[in-house]
Amino acid sequence: MPVFSLALAVIASLGAVSAVQGAPADATIAGSWASVQDAFVSLQDAYAVAGSVPQRDVELLNQAIEKMLRAEAMAGSDPAGSATLAQEASSIAQEVMRDMAAVKEAGERQNQNGMIAMIAATAGAVIAAGLVFRFGAGGLWKAWLRVRGGSVVRVNGETAKPKVWKGEGAGDDGEEPTIFTMEHAALAIVAVLLVVALVPASLAVAAGRTGESFSELGILGPGQKLSDYPKEVVSGQTIDLYAYVGNHVGEPMWYSVLVKVGDNSTEIDPSPASTVLRLDKVLTNNGSGTYPLELTLSKTGPNQRIIFELWSFNSTTKRLDYTGLWTHLWVNVTSPPF
């Protein structure tokens, strides 16, 4: 799994967030970012129709995003290499869009077939209920006699006398016994058929409902646990951390973890401080992951605040939206020994 190091901080001068928002200086990078964004939109659209997307395409899209971040980072020092990475990312995005078009088409076809089957089943149950209600007991008697009319029940060689079924509580107290007649059977069948007719529609309504929608952000220590966070670091020393991101929004999400550095006077939620490190990941619904971060602090002083914010890509505005999730770590940064 690639490590996102402080080298990505150089993109802050170009606007780490604005790059995804479609305002890089280089036209090649701008066009490639647009292709990657379109691929993500197509992935969300396919998921909305089909209910799932291949994990392979999610991984391809993450590869394209990673290449774009690297292309931006090296745009000033190696323009040719940057353009190559951007073109590779664009090609990957085009592949994802082709795959999503096929997934969406298959999903639409499956949904159409399912709708036809549901309508047919519902209509059949309603028609059957109507017929039973219309012809009632007489129709049931005719059907019974057609099937069992010639049957004779014998017990010990003698023809058994028919008995009526007595309901609960019936006995020898003089009350009229409860008799289960064909009229009762007809009404019971009508009720069952109406319930059967309502089941497909109920399932369709339930399928459209989603539970609680939320995202997750967590920062783990070097041992990938909620502990062992660094408290004292030397300026220029690499800090190894891990970001945990979870998606329970109900659709694929493109998340950006923005890392900023400040102190106890720095505003938060969100912080106006510059982004020094950024991690981007596309996660499917109910997907999650733990990703390494390498951070190097240069400014010395006590109570330096490392701020982690979770942003998500908005498919409509083509911008990053702040999710409202953030966390931070306090560290004391000392000068290196001479």
C-alpha atoms as a PDB file:
ATOM      1  CA  MET A   1       0.000   0.000   0.000  1.00  0.00           C
ATOM      2  CA  PRO A   2       1.582   3.335  -1.004  1.00  0.00           C
ATOM      3  CA  VAL A   3       2.687   5.732   1.713  1.00  0.00           C
ATOM      4  CA  PHE A   4       1.534   9.331   1.291  1.00  0.00           C
ATOM      5  CA  SER A   5       4.499  11.359   2.463  1.00  0.00           C
ATOM      6  CA  LEU A   6       5.133  15.031   3.070  1.00  0.00           C
ATOM      7  CA  ALA A   7       6.351  15.325  -0.487  1.00  0.00           C
ATOM      8  CA  LEU A   8       2.718  15.914  -1.397  1.00  0.00           C
ATOM      9  CA  ALA A   9       2.838  19.107   0.607  1.00  0.00           C
ATOM     10  CA  VAL A  10       4.290  20.916  -2.377  1.00  0.00           C
ATOM     11  CA  ILE A  11       0.859  20.832  -3.978  1.00  0.00           C
ATOM     12  CA  ALA A  12      -0.423  23.108  -1.244  1.00  0.00           C
ATOM     13  CA  SER A  13       0.943  26.136  -3.088  1.00  0.00           C
ATOM     14  CA  LEU A  14      -1.201  25.186  -6.061  1.00  0.00           C
ATOM     15  CA  GLY A  15      -4.162  24.465  -3.799  1.00  0.00           C
ATOM     16  CA  ALA A  16      -4.428  20.840  -2.726  1.00  0.00           C
ATOM     17  CA  VAL A  17      -8.181  21.039  -2.614  1.00  0.00           C
ATOM     18  CA  SER A  18      -8.630  23.266  -5.633  1.00  0.00           C
ATOM     19  CA  ALA A  19      -6.902  20.669  -7.789  1.00  0.00           C
ATOM     20  CA  VAL A  20      -9.828  18.313  -7.365  1.00  0.00           C
ATOM     21  CA  GLN A  21     -12.104  21.301  -7.717  1.00  0.00           C
ATOM     22  CA  GLY A  22     -10.895  21.806 -11.284  1.00  0.00           C
ATOM     23  CA  ALA A  23      -8.497  24.761 -11.092  1.00  0.00           C
ATOM     24  CA  PRO A  24      -4.942  23.452 -11.741  1.00  0.00           C
ATOM     25  CA  ALA A  25      -2.714  25.561 -13.988  1.00  0.00           C
ATOM     26  CA  ASP A  26      -1.655  22.843 -16.389  1.00  0.00           C
ATOM     27  CA  ALA A  27      -4.263  21.977 -19.029  1.00  0.00           C
ATOM     28  CA  THR A  28      -3.247  18.325 -19.197  1.00  0.00           C
ATOM     29  CA  ILE A  29      -3.668  17.918 -15.455  1.00  0.00           C
ATOM     30  CA  ALA A  30      -6.959  19.802 -15.564  1.00  0.00           C
ATOM     31  CA  GLY A  31      -8.327  17.541 -18.285  1.00  0.00           C
ATOM     32  CA  SER A  32      -7.167  14.406 -16.507  1.00  0.00           C
ATOM     33  CA  TRP A  33      -8.731  15.519 -13.238  1.00  0.00           C
ATOM     34  CA  ALA A  34     -11.998  16.063 -15.107  1.00  0.00           C
ATOM     35  CA  SER A  35     -11.818  12.516 -16.489  1.00  0.00           C
ATOM     36  CA  VAL A  36     -11.202  11.064 -13.027  1.00  0.00           C
ATOM     37  CA  GLN A  37     -14.116  13.061 -11.617  1.00  0.00           C
ATOM     38  CA  ASP A  38     -16.395  11.859 -14.413  1.00  0.00           C
ATOM     39  CA  ALA A  39     -15.333   8.270 -13.726  1.00  0.00           C
ATOM     40  CA  PHE A  40     -16.310   8.645 -10.080  1.00  0.00           C
ATOM     41  CA  VAL A  41     -19.689  10.134 -11.036  1.00  0.00           C
ATOM     42  CA  SER A  42     -20.299   7.204 -13.386  1.00  0.00           C
ATOM     43  CA  LEU A  43     -19.409   4.804 -10.558  1.00  0.00           C
ATOM     44  CA  GLN A  44     -21.972   6.439  -8.266  1.00  0.00           C
ATOM     45  CA  ASP A  45     -24.607   6.367 -11.019  1.00  0.00           C
ATOM     46  CA  ALA A  46     -23.994   2.678 -11.730  1.00  0.00           C
ATOM     47  CA  TYR A  47     -24.239   1.863  -8.024  1.00  0.00           C
ATOM     48  CA  ALA A  48     -27.564   3.712  -7.761  1.00  0.00           C
ATOM     49  CA  VAL A  49     -28.994   1.534 -10.532  1.00  0.00           C
ATOM     50  CA  ALA A  50     -27.314  -1.831  -9.967  1.00  0.00           C
ATOM     51  CA  GLY A  51     -26.850  -1.728  -6.180  1.00  0.00           C
ATOM     52  CA  SER A  52     -23.178  -2.702  -6.422  1.00  0.00           C
ATOM     53  CA  VAL A  53     -20.040  -2.064  -8.459  1.00  0.00           C
ATOM     54  CA  PRO A  54     -16.989  -4.283  -9.036  1.00  0.00           C
ATOM     55  CA  GLN A  55     -14.249  -3.745  -6.463  1.00  0.00           C
ATOM     56  CA  ARG A  56     -11.754  -3.897  -9.312  1.00  0.00           C
ATOM     57  CA  ASP A  57     -13.087  -0.622 -10.709  1.00  0.00           C
ATOM     58  CA  VAL A  58     -12.937   1.024  -7.300  1.00  0.00           C
ATOM     59  CA  GLU A  59      -9.280   0.039  -7.043  1.00  0.00           C
ATOM     60  CA  LEU A  60      -8.623   1.319 -10.569  1.00  0.00           C
ATOM     61  CA  LEU A  61     -10.176   4.642  -9.682  1.00  0.00           C
ATOM     62  CA  ASN A  62      -7.974   4.886  -6.582  1.00  0.00           C
ATOM     63  CA  GLN A  63      -4.952   4.224  -8.765  1.00  0.00           C
ATOM     64  CA  ALA A  64      -5.999   7.046 -11.082  1.00  0.00           C
ATOM     65  CA  ILE A  65      -6.408   9.465  -8.173  1.00  0.00           C
ATOM     66  CA  GLU A  66      -3.003   8.518  -6.776  1.00  0.00           C
ATOM     67  CA  LYS A  67      -1.382   9.117 -10.157  1.00  0.00           C
ATOM     68  CA  MET A  68      -3.021  12.538 -10.357  1.00  0.00           C
ATOM     69  CA  LEU A  69      -1.715  13.564  -6.954  1.00  0.00           C
ATOM     70  CA  ARG A  70       1.774  12.454  -7.957  1.00  0.00           C
ATOM     71  CA  ALA A  71       1.436  14.275 -11.268  1.00  0.00           C
ATOM     72  CA  GLU A  72       0.608  17.512  -9.456  1.00  0.00           C
ATOM     73  CA  ALA A  73       3.446  17.054  -6.987  1.00  0.00           C
ATOM     74  CA  MET A  74       6.057  16.720  -9.749  1.00  0.00           C
ATOM     75  CA  ALA A  75       4.530  19.210 -12.199  1.00  0.00           C
ATOM     76  CA  GLY A  76       7.171  21.862 -11.450  1.00  0.00           C
ATOM     77  CA  SER A  77      10.221  19.602 -11.326  1.00  0.00           C
ATOM     78  CA  ASP A  78       9.369  17.098 -14.065  1.00  0.00           C
ATOM     79  CA  PRO A  79       6.675  18.399 -16.429  1.00  0.00           C
ATOM     80  CA  ALA A  80       7.097  15.503 -18.879  1.00  0.00           C
ATOM     81  CA  GLY A  81       6.772  12.882 -16.168  1.00  0.00           C
ATOM     82  CA  SER A  82       3.812  14.744 -14.703  1.00  0.00           C
ATOM     83  CA  ALA A  83       2.034  14.759 -18.058  1.00  0.00           C
ATOM     84  CA  THR A  84       2.676  11.038 -18.483  1.00  0.00           C
ATOM     85  CA  LEU A  85       1.137  10.238 -15.102  1.00  0.00           C
ATOM     86  CA  ALA A  86      -1.852  12.457 -15.868  1.00  0.00           C
ATOM     87  CA  GLN A  87      -2.420  10.700 -19.195  1.00  0.00           C
ATOM     88  CA  GLU A  88      -2.189   7.296 -17.499  1.00  0.00           C
ATOM     89  CA  ALA A  89      -4.756   8.409 -14.944  1.00  0.00           C
ATOM     90  CA  SER A  90      -7.056   9.610 -17.721  1.00  0.00           C
ATOM     91  CA  SER A  91      -6.788   6.250 -19.511  1.00  0.00           C
ATOM     92  CA  ILE A  92      -7.688   4.423 -16.306  1.00  0.00           C
ATOM     93  CA  ALA A  93     -10.656   6.745 -15.808  1.00  0.00           C
ATOM     94  CA  GLN A  94     -11.888   6.005 -19.321  1.00  0.00           C
ATOM     95  CA  GLU A  95     -11.694   2.265 -18.593  1.00  0.00           C
ATOM     96  CA  VAL A  96     -13.713   2.697 -15.412  1.00  0.00           C
ATOM     97  CA  MET A  97     -16.371   4.679 -17.270  1.00  0.00           C
ATOM     98  CA  ARG A  98     -16.693   1.934 -19.883  1.00  0.00           C
ATOM     99  CA  ASP A  99     -17.099  -0.667 -17.154  1.00  0.00           C
ATOM    100  CA  MET A 100     -19.680   1.446 -15.334  1.00  0.00           C
ATOM    101  CA  ALA A 101     -21.711   1.906 -18.504  1.00  0.00           C
ATOM    102  CA  ALA A 102     -21.962  -1.893 -18.802  1.00  0.00           C
ATOM    103  CA  VAL A 103     -22.808  -2.278 -15.090  1.00  0.00           C
ATOM    104  CA  LYS A 104     -25.520   0.373 -15.322  1.00  0.00           C
ATOM    105  CA  GLU A 105     -27.035  -1.201 -18.449  1.00  0.00           C
ATOM    106  CA  ALA A 106     -27.131  -4.629 -16.810  1.00  0.00           C
ATOM    107  CA  GLY A 107     -28.681  -3.134 -13.686  1.00  0.00           C
ATOM    108  CA  GLU A 108     -31.380  -1.352 -15.660  1.00  0.00           C
ATOM    109  CA  ARG A 109     -32.218  -4.567 -17.483  1.00  0.00           C
ATOM    110  CA  GLN A 110     -32.393  -6.535 -14.245  1.00  0.00           C
ATOM    111  CA  ASN A 111     -34.554  -3.874 -12.591  1.00  0.00           C
ATOM    112  CA  GLN A 112     -36.910  -3.865 -15.563  1.00  0.00           C
ATOM    113  CA  ASN A 113     -37.281  -7.638 -15.475  1.00  0.00           C
ATOM    114  CA  GLY A 114     -37.837  -7.544 -11.746  1.00  0.00           C
ATOM    115  CA  MET A 115     -40.497  -4.874 -12.104  1.00  0.00           C
ATOM    116  CA  ILE A 116     -42.307  -6.891 -14.753  1.00  0.00           C
ATOM    117  CA  ALA A 117     -42.213 -10.003 -12.573  1.00  0.00           C
ATOM    118  CA  MET A 118     -43.473  -8.045  -9.562  1.00  0.00           C
ATOM    119  CA  ILE A 119     -46.354  -6.529 -11.518  1.00  0.00           C
ATOM    120  CA  ALA A 120     -47.280  -9.930 -12.959  1.00  0.00           C
ATOM    121  CA  ALA A 121     -47.215 -11.604  -9.547  1.00  0.00           C
ATOM    122  CA  THR A 122     -49.269  -8.834  -7.956  1.00  0.00           C
ATOM    123  CA  ALA A 123     -51.794  -8.792 -10.778  1.00  0.00           C
ATOM    124  CA  GLY A 124     -52.124 -12.584 -10.705  1.00  0.00           C
ATOM    125  CA  ALA A 125     -52.773 -12.617  -6.981  1.00  0.00           C
ATOM    126  CA  VAL A 126     -55.369  -9.838  -7.262  1.00  0.00           C
ATOM    127  CA  ILE A 127     -57.144 -11.567 -10.164  1.00  0.00           C
ATOM    128  CA  ALA A 128     -57.163 -14.880  -8.306  1.00  0.00           C
ATOM    129  CA  ALA A 129     -58.594 -13.192  -5.226  1.00  0.00           C
ATOM    130  CA  GLY A 130     -61.283 -11.565  -7.361  1.00  0.00           C
ATOM    131  CA  LEU A 131     -62.271 -14.884  -8.929  1.00  0.00           C
ATOM    132  CA  VAL A 132     -62.493 -16.610  -5.571  1.00  0.00           C
ATOM    133  CA  PHE A 133     -64.544 -13.765  -4.165  1.00  0.00           C
ATOM    134  CA  ARG A 134     -66.822 -13.733  -7.241  1.00  0.00           C
ATOM    135  CA  PHE A 135     -67.569 -17.446  -7.402  1.00  0.00           C
ATOM    136  CA  GLY A 136     -67.054 -18.055  -3.685  1.00  0.00           C
ATOM    137  CA  ALA A 137     -68.099 -21.279  -2.048  1.00  0.00           C
ATOM    138  CA  GLY A 138     -69.945 -22.562  -5.108  1.00  0.00           C
ATOM    139  CA  GLY A 139     -66.776 -22.504  -7.149  1.00  0.00           C
ATOM    140  CA  LEU A 140     -64.828 -24.239  -4.406  1.00  0.00           C
ATOM    141  CA  TRP A 141     -67.525 -26.921  -4.052  1.00  0.00           C
ATOM    142  CA  LYS A 142     -67.442 -27.592  -7.785  1.00  0.00           C
ATOM    143  CA  ALA A 143     -63.660 -27.845  -7.721  1.00  0.00           C
ATOM    144  CA  TRP A 144     -63.787 -30.156  -4.698  1.00  0.00           C
ATOM    145  CA  LEU A 145     -66.429 -32.396  -6.221  1.00  0.00           C
ATOM    146  CA  ARG A 146     -64.528 -32.531  -9.494  1.00  0.00           C
ATOM    147  CA  VAL A 147     -61.436 -33.754  -7.700  1.00  0.00           C
ATOM    148  CA  ARG A 148     -62.841 -35.741  -4.790  1.00  0.00           C
ATOM    149  CA  GLY A 149     -66.507 -36.275  -5.705  1.00  0.00           C
ATOM    150  CA  GLY A 150     -66.181 -40.014  -6.256  1.00  0.00           C
ATOM    151  CA  SER A 151     -64.295 -40.731  -3.045  1.00  0.00           C
ATOM    152  CA  VAL A 152     -65.801 -42.925  -0.321  1.00  0.00           C
ATOM    153  CA  VAL A 153     -64.362 -43.098   3.168  1.00  0.00           C
ATOM    154  CA  ARG A 154     -64.709 -46.487   4.901  1.00  0.00           C
ATOM    155  CA  VAL A 155     -63.820 -47.253   8.475  1.00  0.00           C
ATOM    156  CA  ASN A 156     -63.610 -50.932   9.440  1.00  0.00           C
ATOM    157  CA  GLY A 157     -65.423 -51.809   6.282  1.00  0.00           C
ATOM    158  CA  GLU A 158     -68.347 -49.448   6.864  1.00  0.00           C
ATOM    159  CA  THR A 159     -69.049 -46.175   5.181  1.00  0.00           C
ATOM    160  CA  ALA A 160     -68.166 -43.367   7.541  1.00  0.00           C
ATOM    161  CA  LYS A 161     -70.731 -40.744   8.303  1.00  0.00           C
ATOM    162  CA  PRO A 162     -69.544 -37.205   7.557  1.00  0.00           C
ATOM    163  CA  LYS A 163     -68.871 -35.057  10.575  1.00  0.00           C
ATOM    164  CA  VAL A 164     -68.679 -31.338  10.844  1.00  0.00           C
ATOM    165  CA  TRP A 165     -65.631 -29.650  12.276  1.00  0.00           C
ATOM    166  CA  LYS A 166     -66.378 -28.092  15.657  1.00  0.00           C
ATOM    167  CA  GLY A 167     -64.526 -25.015  16.632  1.00  0.00           C
ATOM    168  CA  GLU A 168     -62.943 -24.390  19.988  1.00  0.00           C
ATOM    169  CA  GLY A 169     -65.498 -24.247  22.761  1.00  0.00           C
ATOM    170  CA  ALA A 170     -68.138 -26.249  20.938  1.00  0.00           C
ATOM    171  CA  GLY A 171     -69.483 -29.167  22.911  1.00  0.00           C
ATOM    172  CA  ASP A 172     -72.557 -30.772  24.406  1.00  0.00           C
ATOM    173  CA  ASP A 173     -73.837 -27.659  26.161  1.00  0.00           C
ATOM    174  CA  GLY A 174     -76.615 -27.115  23.703  1.00  0.00           C
ATOM    175  CA  GLU A 175     -74.834 -24.423  21.697  1.00  0.00           C
ATOM    176  CA  GLU A 176     -74.681 -24.692  17.935  1.00  0.00           C
ATOM    177  CA  PRO A 177     -71.241 -26.032  16.931  1.00  0.00           C
ATOM    178  CA  THR A 178     -68.999 -23.839  14.825  1.00  0.00           C
ATOM    179  CA  ILE A 179     -68.858 -25.229  11.317  1.00  0.00           C
ATOM    180  CA  PHE A 180     -66.009 -24.505   8.906  1.00  0.00           C
ATOM    181  CA  THR A 181     -67.838 -24.051   5.631  1.00  0.00           C
ATOM    182  CA  MET A 182     -66.737 -23.425   2.072  1.00  0.00           C
ATOM    183  CA  GLU A 183     -67.751 -19.794   2.576  1.00  0.00           C
ATOM    184  CA  HIS A 184     -65.126 -19.578   5.321  1.00  0.00           C
ATOM    185  CA  ALA A 185     -62.587 -21.238   3.071  1.00  0.00           C
ATOM    186  CA  ALA A 186     -63.320 -18.770   0.275  1.00  0.00           C
ATOM    187  CA  LEU A 187     -62.827 -15.772   2.554  1.00  0.00           C
ATOM    188  CA  ALA A 188     -59.585 -17.232   3.918  1.00  0.00           C
ATOM    189  CA  ILE A 189     -58.250 -17.770   0.403  1.00  0.00           C
ATOM    190  CA  VAL A 190     -59.167 -14.210  -0.593  1.00  0.00           C
ATOM    191  CA  ALA A 191     -57.327 -12.859   2.462  1.00  0.00           C
ATOM    192  CA  VAL A 192     -54.217 -14.924   1.701  1.00  0.00           C
ATOM    193  CA  LEU A 193     -54.190 -13.863  -1.936  1.00  0.00           C
ATOM    194  CA  LEU A 194     -54.490 -10.192  -1.001  1.00  0.00           C
ATOM    195  CA  VAL A 195     -51.563 -10.536   1.386  1.00  0.00           C
ATOM    196  CA  VAL A 196     -49.546 -12.219  -1.369  1.00  0.00           C
ATOM    197  CA  ALA A 197     -50.425  -9.343  -3.705  1.00  0.00           C
ATOM    198  CA  LEU A 198     -49.073  -6.808  -1.201  1.00  0.00           C
ATOM    199  CA  VAL A 199     -45.787  -8.606  -0.508  1.00  0.00           C
ATOM    200  CA  PRO A 200     -43.888  -7.573  -3.699  1.00  0.00           C
ATOM    201  CA  ALA A 201     -44.844  -3.921  -3.290  1.00  0.00           C
ATOM    202  CA  SER A 202     -43.851  -4.005   0.382  1.00  0.00           C
ATOM    203  CA  LEU A 203     -40.471  -5.508  -0.488  1.00  0.00           C
ATOM    204  CA  ALA A 204     -39.889  -2.832  -3.132  1.00  0.00           C
ATOM    205  CA  VAL A 205     -40.629  -0.065  -0.620  1.00  0.00           C
ATOM    206  CA  ALA A 206     -38.378  -1.665   2.002  1.00  0.00           C
ATOM    207  CA  ALA A 207     -35.548  -2.028  -0.513  1.00  0.00           C
ATOM    208  CA  GLY A 208     -35.609   1.704  -1.169  1.00  0.00           C
ATOM    209  CA  ARG A 209     -35.102   2.584   2.482  1.00  0.00           C
ATOM    210  CA  THR A 210     -31.668   3.172   3.926  1.00  0.00           C
ATOM    211  CA  GLY A 211     -30.527   3.153   7.516  1.00  0.00           C
ATOM    212  CA  GLU A 212     -28.491   5.749   9.332  1.00  0.00           C
ATOM    213  CA  SER A 213     -26.002   7.520   7.056  1.00  0.00           C
ATOM    214  CA  PHE A 214     -22.574   8.462   8.402  1.00  0.00           C
ATOM    215  CA  SER A 215     -18.844   8.567   7.689  1.00  0.00           C
ATOM    216  CA  GLU A 216     -15.966   7.642   9.977  1.00  0.00           C
ATOM    217  CA  LEU A 217     -12.553   9.182  10.616  1.00  0.00           C
ATOM    218  CA  GLY A 218      -9.960   7.970  13.078  1.00  0.00           C
ATOM    219  CA  ILE A 219      -6.237   8.442  13.583  1.00  0.00           C
ATOM    220  CA  LEU A 220      -4.205   5.494  14.854  1.00  0.00           C
ATOM    221  CA  GLY A 221      -0.732   5.386  16.307  1.00  0.00           C
ATOM    222  CA  PRO A 222       2.320   3.658  14.798  1.00  0.00           C
ATOM    223  CA  GLY A 223       0.986   0.292  15.964  1.00  0.00           C
ATOM    224  CA  GLN A 224      -2.363   0.914  14.240  1.00  0.00           C
ATOM    225  CA  LYS A 225      -4.078   1.284  17.621  1.00  0.00           C
ATOM    226  CA  LEU A 226      -5.836   4.084  19.427  1.00  0.00           C
ATOM    227  CA  SER A 227      -2.728   4.549  21.546  1.00  0.00           C
ATOM    228  CA  ASP A 228       1.028   5.157  21.398  1.00  0.00           C
ATOM    229  CA  TYR A 229       0.595   8.550  19.814  1.00  0.00           C
ATOM    230  CA  PRO A 230       3.815  10.575  19.651  1.00  0.00           C
ATOM    231  CA  LYS A 231       4.017  13.373  22.211  1.00  0.00           C
ATOM    232  CA  GLU A 232       7.600  14.538  21.749  1.00  0.00           C
ATOM    233  CA  VAL A 233       9.131  14.722  18.271  1.00  0.00           C
ATOM    234  CA  VAL A 234      12.271  16.244  16.827  1.00  0.00           C
ATOM    235  CA  SER A 235      12.016  18.746  14.015  1.00  0.00           C
ATOM    236  CA  GLY A 236      12.579  16.925  10.737  1.00  0.00           C
ATOM    237  CA  GLN A 237      11.728  13.554  12.274  1.00  0.00           C
ATOM    238  CA  THR A 238       9.147  11.421  10.443  1.00  0.00           C
ATOM    239  CA  ILE A 239       5.959  10.646  12.328  1.00  0.00           C
ATOM    240  CA  ASP A 240       4.255   7.366  11.362  1.00  0.00           C
ATOM    241  CA  LEU A 241       0.490   7.414  11.746  1.00  0.00           C
ATOM    242  CA  TYR A 242      -2.534   5.699  10.201  1.00  0.00           C
ATOM    243  CA  ALA A 243      -5.832   7.136   9.058  1.00  0.00           C
ATOM    244  CA  TYR A 244      -8.980   5.041   9.407  1.00  0.00           C
ATOM    245  CA  VAL A 245     -11.844   5.997   7.081  1.00  0.00           C
ATOM    246  CA  GLY A 246     -15.264   4.327   6.934  1.00  0.00           C
ATOM    247  CA  ASN A 247     -18.177   4.813   4.555  1.00  0.00           C
ATOM    248  CA  HIS A 248     -21.755   4.144   5.692  1.00  0.00           C
ATOM    249  CA  VAL A 249     -23.440   6.789   3.560  1.00  0.00           C
ATOM    250  CA  GLY A 250     -25.335   4.407   1.272  1.00  0.00           C
ATOM    251  CA  GLU A 251     -23.291   4.967  -1.900  1.00  0.00           C
ATOM    252  CA  PRO A 252     -19.629   5.009  -2.993  1.00  0.00           C
ATOM    253  CA  MET A 253     -17.757   8.002  -1.568  1.00  0.00           C
ATOM    254  CA  TRP A 254     -14.564   9.782  -2.538  1.00  0.00           C
ATOM    255  CA  TYR A 255     -12.918  10.879   0.701  1.00  0.00           C
ATOM    256  CA  SER A 256     -10.004  13.246   1.250  1.00  0.00           C
ATOM    257  CA  VAL A 257      -8.190  13.326   4.579  1.00  0.00           C
ATOM    258  CA  LEU A 258      -6.562  16.743   4.832  1.00  0.00           C
ATOM    259  CA  VAL A 259      -3.726  17.142   7.338  1.00  0.00           C
ATOM    260  CA  LYS A 260      -3.000  20.631   8.667  1.00  0.00           C
ATOM    261  CA  VAL A 261      -0.583  21.927  11.294  1.00  0.00           C
ATOM    262  CA  GLY A 262      -1.220  24.705  13.801  1.00  0.00           C
ATOM    263  CA  ASP A 263      -1.099  25.427  17.513  1.00  0.00           C
ATOM    264  CA  ASN A 264      -3.513  26.110  20.350  1.00  0.00           C
ATOM    265  CA  SER A 265      -4.610  29.367  18.692  1.00  0.00           C
ATOM    266  CA  THR A 266      -5.452  27.750  15.349  1.00  0.00           C
ATOM    267  CA  GLU A 267      -9.127  27.717  14.420  1.00  0.00           C
ATOM    268  CA  ILE A 268     -10.702  24.337  13.776  1.00  0.00           C
ATOM    269  CA  ASP A 269     -13.796  22.673  12.316  1.00  0.00           C
ATOM    270  CA  PRO A 270     -12.609  23.261   9.632  1.00  0.00           C
ATOM    271  CA  SER A 271      -9.232  24.889  10.026  1.00  0.00           C
ATOM    272  CA  PRO A 272      -8.115  27.669   7.667  1.00  0.00           C
ATOM    273  CA  ALA A 273      -4.521  26.423   7.936  1.00  0.00           C
ATOM    274  CA  SER A 274      -2.814  25.212   4.772  1.00  0.00           C
ATOM    275  CA  THR A 275      -2.938  21.539   3.872  1.00  0.00           C
ATOM    276  CA  VAL A 276       0.459  19.897   4.309  1.00  0.00           C
ATOM    277  CA  LEU A 277      -0.575  16.334   3.522  1.00  0.00           C
ATOM    278  CA  ARG A 278      -3.501  14.736   1.791  1.00  0.00           C
ATOM    279  CA  LEU A 279      -4.877  11.203   1.450  1.00  0.00           C
ATOM    280  CA  ASP A 280      -7.603  10.376  -1.095  1.00  0.00           C
ATOM    281  CA  LYS A 281      -9.586   7.149  -1.213  1.00  0.00           C
ATOM    282  CA  VAL A 282     -12.763   5.943  -2.920  1.00  0.00           C
ATOM    283  CA  LEU A 283     -14.723   3.530  -0.738  1.00  0.00           C
ATOM    284  CA  THR A 284     -17.819   1.520  -1.603  1.00  0.00           C
ATOM    285  CA  ASN A 285     -20.834   1.621   0.694  1.00  0.00           C
ATOM    286  CA  ASN A 286     -19.999  -0.008   4.049  1.00  0.00           C
ATOM    287  CA  GLY A 287     -16.353  -0.063   3.020  1.00  0.00           C
ATOM    288  CA  SER A 288     -13.495   1.019   5.253  1.00  0.00           C
ATOM    289  CA  GLY A 289      -9.729   1.043   5.292  1.00  0.00           C
ATOM    290  CA  THR A 290      -6.641   1.939   7.301  1.00  0.00           C
ATOM    291  CA  TYR A 291      -4.002   3.889   5.412  1.00  0.00           C
ATOM    292  CA  PRO A 292      -0.447   4.918   6.405  1.00  0.00           C
ATOM    293  CA  LEU A 293       0.574   8.541   6.732  1.00  0.00           C
ATOM    294  CA  GLU A 294       4.103   9.905   7.042  1.00  0.00           C
ATOM    295  CA  LEU A 295       4.365  13.421   8.389  1.00  0.00           C
ATOM    296  CA  THR A 296       7.404  15.582   9.075  1.00  0.00           C
ATOM    297  CA  LEU A 297       7.161  18.713  11.215  1.00  0.00           C
ATOM    298  CA  SER A 298       9.658  21.532  10.804  1.00  0.00           C
ATOM    299  CA  LYS A 299       8.367  24.261  13.116  1.00  0.00           C
ATOM    300  CA  THR A 300       9.540  23.885  16.708  1.00  0.00           C
ATOM    301  CA  GLY A 301       7.560  24.727  19.796  1.00  0.00           C
ATOM    302  CA  PRO A 302       5.296  23.228  22.443  1.00  0.00           C
ATOM    303  CA  ASN A 303       1.681  22.232  21.832  1.00  0.00           C
ATOM    304  CA  GLN A 304       1.863  21.934  18.079  1.00  0.00           C
ATOM    305  CA  ARG A 305      -1.514  20.758  16.810  1.00  0.00           C
ATOM    306  CA  ILE A 306      -1.772  18.221  13.974  1.00  0.00           C
ATOM    307  CA  ILE A 307      -5.286  18.505  12.574  1.00  0.00           C
ATOM    308  CA  PHE A 308      -6.994  15.803  10.508  1.00  0.00           C
ATOM    309  CA  GLU A 309     -10.179  16.658   8.594  1.00  0.00           C
ATOM    310  CA  LEU A 310     -12.426  14.450   6.480  1.00  0.00           C
ATOM    311  CA  TRP A 311     -13.761  15.926   3.250  1.00  0.00           C
ATOM    312  CA  SER A 312     -15.767  14.262   0.481  1.00  0.00           C
ATOM    313  CA  PHE A 313     -16.114  14.934  -3.232  1.00  0.00           C
ATOM    314  CA  ASN A 314     -19.460  16.394  -4.302  1.00  0.00           C
ATOM    315  CA  SER A 315     -20.475  14.935  -7.670  1.00  0.00           C
ATOM    316  CA  THR A 316     -22.797  17.858  -8.407  1.00  0.00           C
ATOM    317  CA  THR A 317     -20.551  20.808  -7.629  1.00  0.00           C
ATOM    318  CA  LYS A 318     -17.289  18.967  -8.424  1.00  0.00           C
ATOM    319  CA  ARG A 319     -15.839  20.313  -5.183  1.00  0.00           C
ATOM    320  CA  LEU A 320     -14.818  18.930  -1.826  1.00  0.00           C
ATOM    321  CA  ASP A 321     -17.379  19.247   0.960  1.00  0.00           C
ATOM    322  CA  TYR A 322     -16.399  19.218   4.619  1.00  0.00           C
ATOM    323  CA  THR A 323     -18.053  16.281   6.387  1.00  0.00           C
ATOM    324  CA  GLY A 324     -17.804  17.887   9.821  1.00  0.00           C
ATOM    325  CA  LEU A 325     -15.477  15.138  11.063  1.00  0.00           C
ATOM    326  CA  TRP A 326     -12.095  16.096  12.460  1.00  0.00           C
ATOM    327  CA  THR A 327      -9.607  15.070  15.107  1.00  0.00           C
ATOM    328  CA  HIS A 328      -6.191  16.260  16.245  1.00  0.00           C
ATOM    329  CA  LEU A 329      -3.009  15.362  18.057  1.00  0.00           C
ATOM    330  CA  TRP A 330      -0.897  17.548  20.327  1.00  0.00           C
ATOM    331  CA  VAL A 331       2.888  17.220  20.048  1.00  0.00           C
ATOM    332  CA  ASN A 332       5.906  19.117  21.327  1.00  0.00           C
ATOM    333  CA  VAL A 333       8.424  19.723  18.537  1.00  0.00           C
ATOM    334  CA  THR A 334      12.040  20.228  19.641  1.00  0.00           C
ATOM    335  CA  SER A 335      15.132  21.237  17.713  1.00  0.00           C
ATOM    336  CA  PRO A 336      17.493  18.460  16.622  1.00  0.00           C
ATOM    337  CA  PRO A 337      20.627  17.989  18.761  1.00  0.00           C
ATOM    338  CA  PHE A 338      23.826  19.503  17.405  1.00  0.00           C
END
